[in-house]
């Protein structure tokens, strides 16, 4: 087991995974039955949690960590 806890919640990882697959904010919101604002909030939270500025950087971070 890893000694370092994952700084992202499962919902943040789901959103990043879907966006990494090429889905738009709108498509993610529809699929998860949440608002676009909620999706954007999850992305922003993920970025802040891992110390990056963009969605792409958050996705790259998650891929490198083998989380998505």
N, C-alpha and C. Protein backbone atom coordinates (compact mmCIF):
# COMPACT_ATOMS: atom_id res chain seq x y z
N UNK A 1 0.84 -1.19 0.00
CA UNK A 1 0.00 0.00 0.00
C UNK A 1 0.87 1.24 0.00
N UNK A 2 0.43 2.26 -0.72
CA UNK A 2 1.18 3.50 -0.84
C UNK A 2 1.06 4.32 0.43
N UNK A 3 2.17 4.90 0.86
CA UNK A 3 2.17 5.73 2.07
C UNK A 3 1.62 7.12 1.82
N UNK A 4 1.46 7.49 0.55
CA UNK A 4 0.98 8.82 0.20
C UNK A 4 -0.47 8.74 -0.25
N UNK A 5 -1.37 9.36 0.49
CA UNK A 5 -2.78 9.32 0.07
C UNK A 5 -3.00 10.10 -1.23
N UNK A 6 -3.93 9.63 -2.02
CA UNK A 6 -4.28 10.31 -3.26
C UNK A 6 -4.99 11.60 -2.90
N UNK A 7 -4.52 12.74 -3.42
CA UNK A 7 -5.12 14.03 -3.05
C UNK A 7 -6.44 14.33 -3.76
N UNK A 8 -6.92 13.40 -4.57
CA UNK A 8 -8.16 13.62 -5.31
C UNK A 8 -9.24 12.66 -4.86
N UNK A 9 -10.47 13.16 -4.85
CA UNK A 9 -11.60 12.31 -4.54
C UNK A 9 -12.02 11.51 -5.76
N UNK A 10 -12.80 10.47 -5.53
CA UNK A 10 -13.25 9.62 -6.64
C UNK A 10 -14.03 10.41 -7.68
N UNK A 11 -14.85 11.37 -7.24
CA UNK A 11 -15.63 12.15 -8.20
C UNK A 11 -14.73 13.02 -9.08
N UNK A 12 -13.67 13.56 -8.51
CA UNK A 12 -12.72 14.34 -9.30
C UNK A 12 -12.02 13.44 -10.32
N UNK A 13 -11.65 12.25 -9.90
CA UNK A 13 -11.00 11.31 -10.81
C UNK A 13 -11.92 10.88 -11.94
N UNK A 14 -13.18 10.68 -11.63
CA UNK A 14 -14.15 10.30 -12.67
C UNK A 14 -14.25 11.41 -13.72
N UNK A 15 -14.36 12.64 -13.26
CA UNK A 15 -14.46 13.77 -14.19
C UNK A 15 -13.20 13.87 -15.04
N UNK A 16 -12.02 13.78 -14.41
CA UNK A 16 -10.77 13.85 -15.18
C UNK A 16 -10.67 12.70 -16.17
N UNK A 17 -11.08 11.50 -15.77
CA UNK A 17 -11.03 10.34 -16.66
C UNK A 17 -11.91 10.57 -17.89
N UNK A 18 -13.12 11.08 -17.66
CA UNK A 18 -14.04 11.32 -18.77
C UNK A 18 -13.49 12.41 -19.70
N UNK A 19 -12.90 13.43 -19.12
CA UNK A 19 -12.34 14.50 -19.95
C UNK A 19 -11.10 14.00 -20.70
N UNK A 20 -10.34 13.12 -20.09
CA UNK A 20 -9.18 12.53 -20.77
C UNK A 20 -9.62 11.70 -21.97
N UNK A 21 -10.82 11.16 -21.90
CA UNK A 21 -11.38 10.38 -23.01
C UNK A 21 -11.94 11.30 -24.11
N UNK A 22 -11.86 12.61 -23.89
CA UNK A 22 -12.29 13.55 -24.91
C UNK A 22 -13.68 14.13 -24.72
N UNK A 23 -14.32 13.82 -23.61
CA UNK A 23 -15.66 14.35 -23.38
C UNK A 23 -15.58 15.81 -22.94
N UNK A 24 -16.54 16.58 -23.38
CA UNK A 24 -16.61 17.99 -23.01
C UNK A 24 -17.23 18.14 -21.62
N UNK A 25 -17.11 19.33 -21.08
CA UNK A 25 -17.75 19.64 -19.79
C UNK A 25 -19.24 19.35 -19.89
N UNK A 26 -19.84 19.76 -20.99
CA UNK A 26 -21.27 19.56 -21.19
C UNK A 26 -21.63 18.08 -21.20
N UNK A 27 -20.84 17.28 -21.91
CA UNK A 27 -21.10 15.84 -22.00
C UNK A 27 -20.91 15.16 -20.65
N UNK A 28 -19.89 15.55 -19.93
CA UNK A 28 -19.64 14.98 -18.61
C UNK A 28 -20.81 15.30 -17.68
N UNK A 29 -21.25 16.53 -17.72
CA UNK A 29 -22.38 16.95 -16.87
C UNK A 29 -23.63 16.13 -17.18
N UNK A 30 -23.92 15.98 -18.46
CA UNK A 30 -25.10 15.17 -18.85
C UNK A 30 -24.96 13.74 -18.37
N UNK A 31 -23.81 13.15 -18.61
CA UNK A 31 -23.61 11.74 -18.26
C UNK A 31 -23.68 11.50 -16.76
N UNK A 32 -23.16 12.45 -15.97
CA UNK A 32 -23.17 12.29 -14.51
C UNK A 32 -24.43 12.88 -13.88
N UNK A 33 -25.27 13.50 -14.70
CA UNK A 33 -26.50 14.13 -14.23
C UNK A 33 -26.22 15.19 -13.16
N UNK A 34 -25.25 16.05 -13.49
CA UNK A 34 -24.91 17.19 -12.64
C UNK A 34 -24.82 18.42 -13.53
N UNK A 35 -24.68 19.57 -12.93
CA UNK A 35 -24.58 20.80 -13.73
C UNK A 35 -23.17 20.97 -14.29
N UNK A 36 -23.07 21.75 -15.34
CA UNK A 36 -21.76 22.07 -15.90
C UNK A 36 -20.91 22.79 -14.86
N UNK A 37 -21.55 23.60 -14.05
CA UNK A 37 -20.84 24.31 -12.99
C UNK A 37 -20.20 23.32 -12.01
N UNK A 38 -20.90 22.25 -11.70
CA UNK A 38 -20.36 21.23 -10.80
C UNK A 38 -19.15 20.56 -11.43
N UNK A 39 -19.22 20.26 -12.71
CA UNK A 39 -18.08 19.64 -13.40
C UNK A 39 -16.88 20.59 -13.35
N UNK A 40 -17.11 21.84 -13.67
CA UNK A 40 -16.01 22.82 -13.64
C UNK A 40 -15.43 22.96 -12.23
N UNK A 41 -16.29 22.90 -11.23
CA UNK A 41 -15.84 22.98 -9.84
C UNK A 41 -14.95 21.78 -9.49
N UNK A 42 -15.33 20.60 -9.95
CA UNK A 42 -14.54 19.38 -9.70
C UNK A 42 -13.17 19.49 -10.36
N UNK A 43 -13.15 20.01 -11.58
CA UNK A 43 -11.88 20.18 -12.29
C UNK A 43 -11.00 21.19 -11.56
N UNK A 44 -11.59 22.31 -11.16
CA UNK A 44 -10.83 23.34 -10.45
C UNK A 44 -10.27 22.79 -9.14
N UNK A 45 -11.09 22.03 -8.42
CA UNK A 45 -10.66 21.43 -7.17
C UNK A 45 -9.51 20.46 -7.40
N UNK A 46 -9.60 19.66 -8.45
CA UNK A 46 -8.53 18.71 -8.78
C UNK A 46 -7.24 19.47 -9.08
N UNK A 47 -7.34 20.53 -9.86
CA UNK A 47 -6.16 21.33 -10.20
C UNK A 47 -5.51 21.90 -8.94
N UNK A 48 -6.32 22.47 -8.08
CA UNK A 48 -5.80 23.04 -6.84
C UNK A 48 -5.17 21.97 -5.95
N UNK A 49 -5.78 20.81 -5.90
CA UNK A 49 -5.28 19.74 -5.03
C UNK A 49 -3.91 19.23 -5.44
N UNK A 50 -3.66 19.21 -6.76
CA UNK A 50 -2.37 18.68 -7.22
C UNK A 50 -1.40 19.77 -7.64
N UNK A 51 -1.81 21.03 -7.50
CA UNK A 51 -0.91 22.15 -7.73
C UNK A 51 -0.62 22.45 -9.19
N UNK A 52 -1.65 22.36 -10.03
CA UNK A 52 -1.49 22.70 -11.45
C UNK A 52 -2.51 23.77 -11.83
N UNK A 53 -2.35 24.31 -13.04
CA UNK A 53 -3.20 25.42 -13.47
C UNK A 53 -4.29 25.05 -14.47
N UNK A 54 -4.12 23.95 -15.18
CA UNK A 54 -5.06 23.63 -16.25
C UNK A 54 -5.61 22.21 -16.12
N UNK A 55 -6.70 21.99 -16.82
CA UNK A 55 -7.31 20.65 -16.87
C UNK A 55 -6.33 19.65 -17.47
N UNK A 56 -5.67 20.04 -18.54
CA UNK A 56 -4.72 19.13 -19.19
C UNK A 56 -3.62 18.73 -18.21
N UNK A 57 -3.10 19.69 -17.46
CA UNK A 57 -2.06 19.36 -16.49
C UNK A 57 -2.58 18.41 -15.41
N UNK A 58 -3.81 18.60 -14.98
CA UNK A 58 -4.40 17.71 -13.98
C UNK A 58 -4.56 16.30 -14.55
N UNK A 59 -4.98 16.21 -15.80
CA UNK A 59 -5.12 14.90 -16.44
C UNK A 59 -3.75 14.23 -16.57
N UNK A 60 -2.76 14.97 -17.02
CA UNK A 60 -1.41 14.41 -17.15
C UNK A 60 -0.91 13.94 -15.79
N UNK A 61 -1.13 14.73 -14.75
CA UNK A 61 -0.71 14.34 -13.41
C UNK A 61 -1.37 13.02 -13.02
N UNK A 62 -2.67 12.91 -13.24
CA UNK A 62 -3.40 11.70 -12.86
C UNK A 62 -2.94 10.49 -13.66
N UNK A 63 -2.64 10.69 -14.94
CA UNK A 63 -2.13 9.58 -15.76
C UNK A 63 -0.77 9.14 -15.25
N UNK A 64 0.09 10.09 -14.96
CA UNK A 64 1.44 9.75 -14.45
C UNK A 64 1.39 9.03 -13.10
N UNK A 65 0.36 9.35 -12.33
CA UNK A 65 0.18 8.69 -11.04
C UNK A 65 -0.54 7.34 -11.18
N UNK A 66 -0.92 7.04 -12.42
CA UNK A 66 -1.68 5.81 -12.76
C UNK A 66 -3.01 5.75 -12.04
N UNK A 67 -3.66 6.91 -11.95
CA UNK A 67 -4.97 7.00 -11.32
C UNK A 67 -6.09 6.95 -12.34
N UNK A 68 -5.77 7.33 -13.57
CA UNK A 68 -6.76 7.25 -14.65
C UNK A 68 -6.11 6.63 -15.87
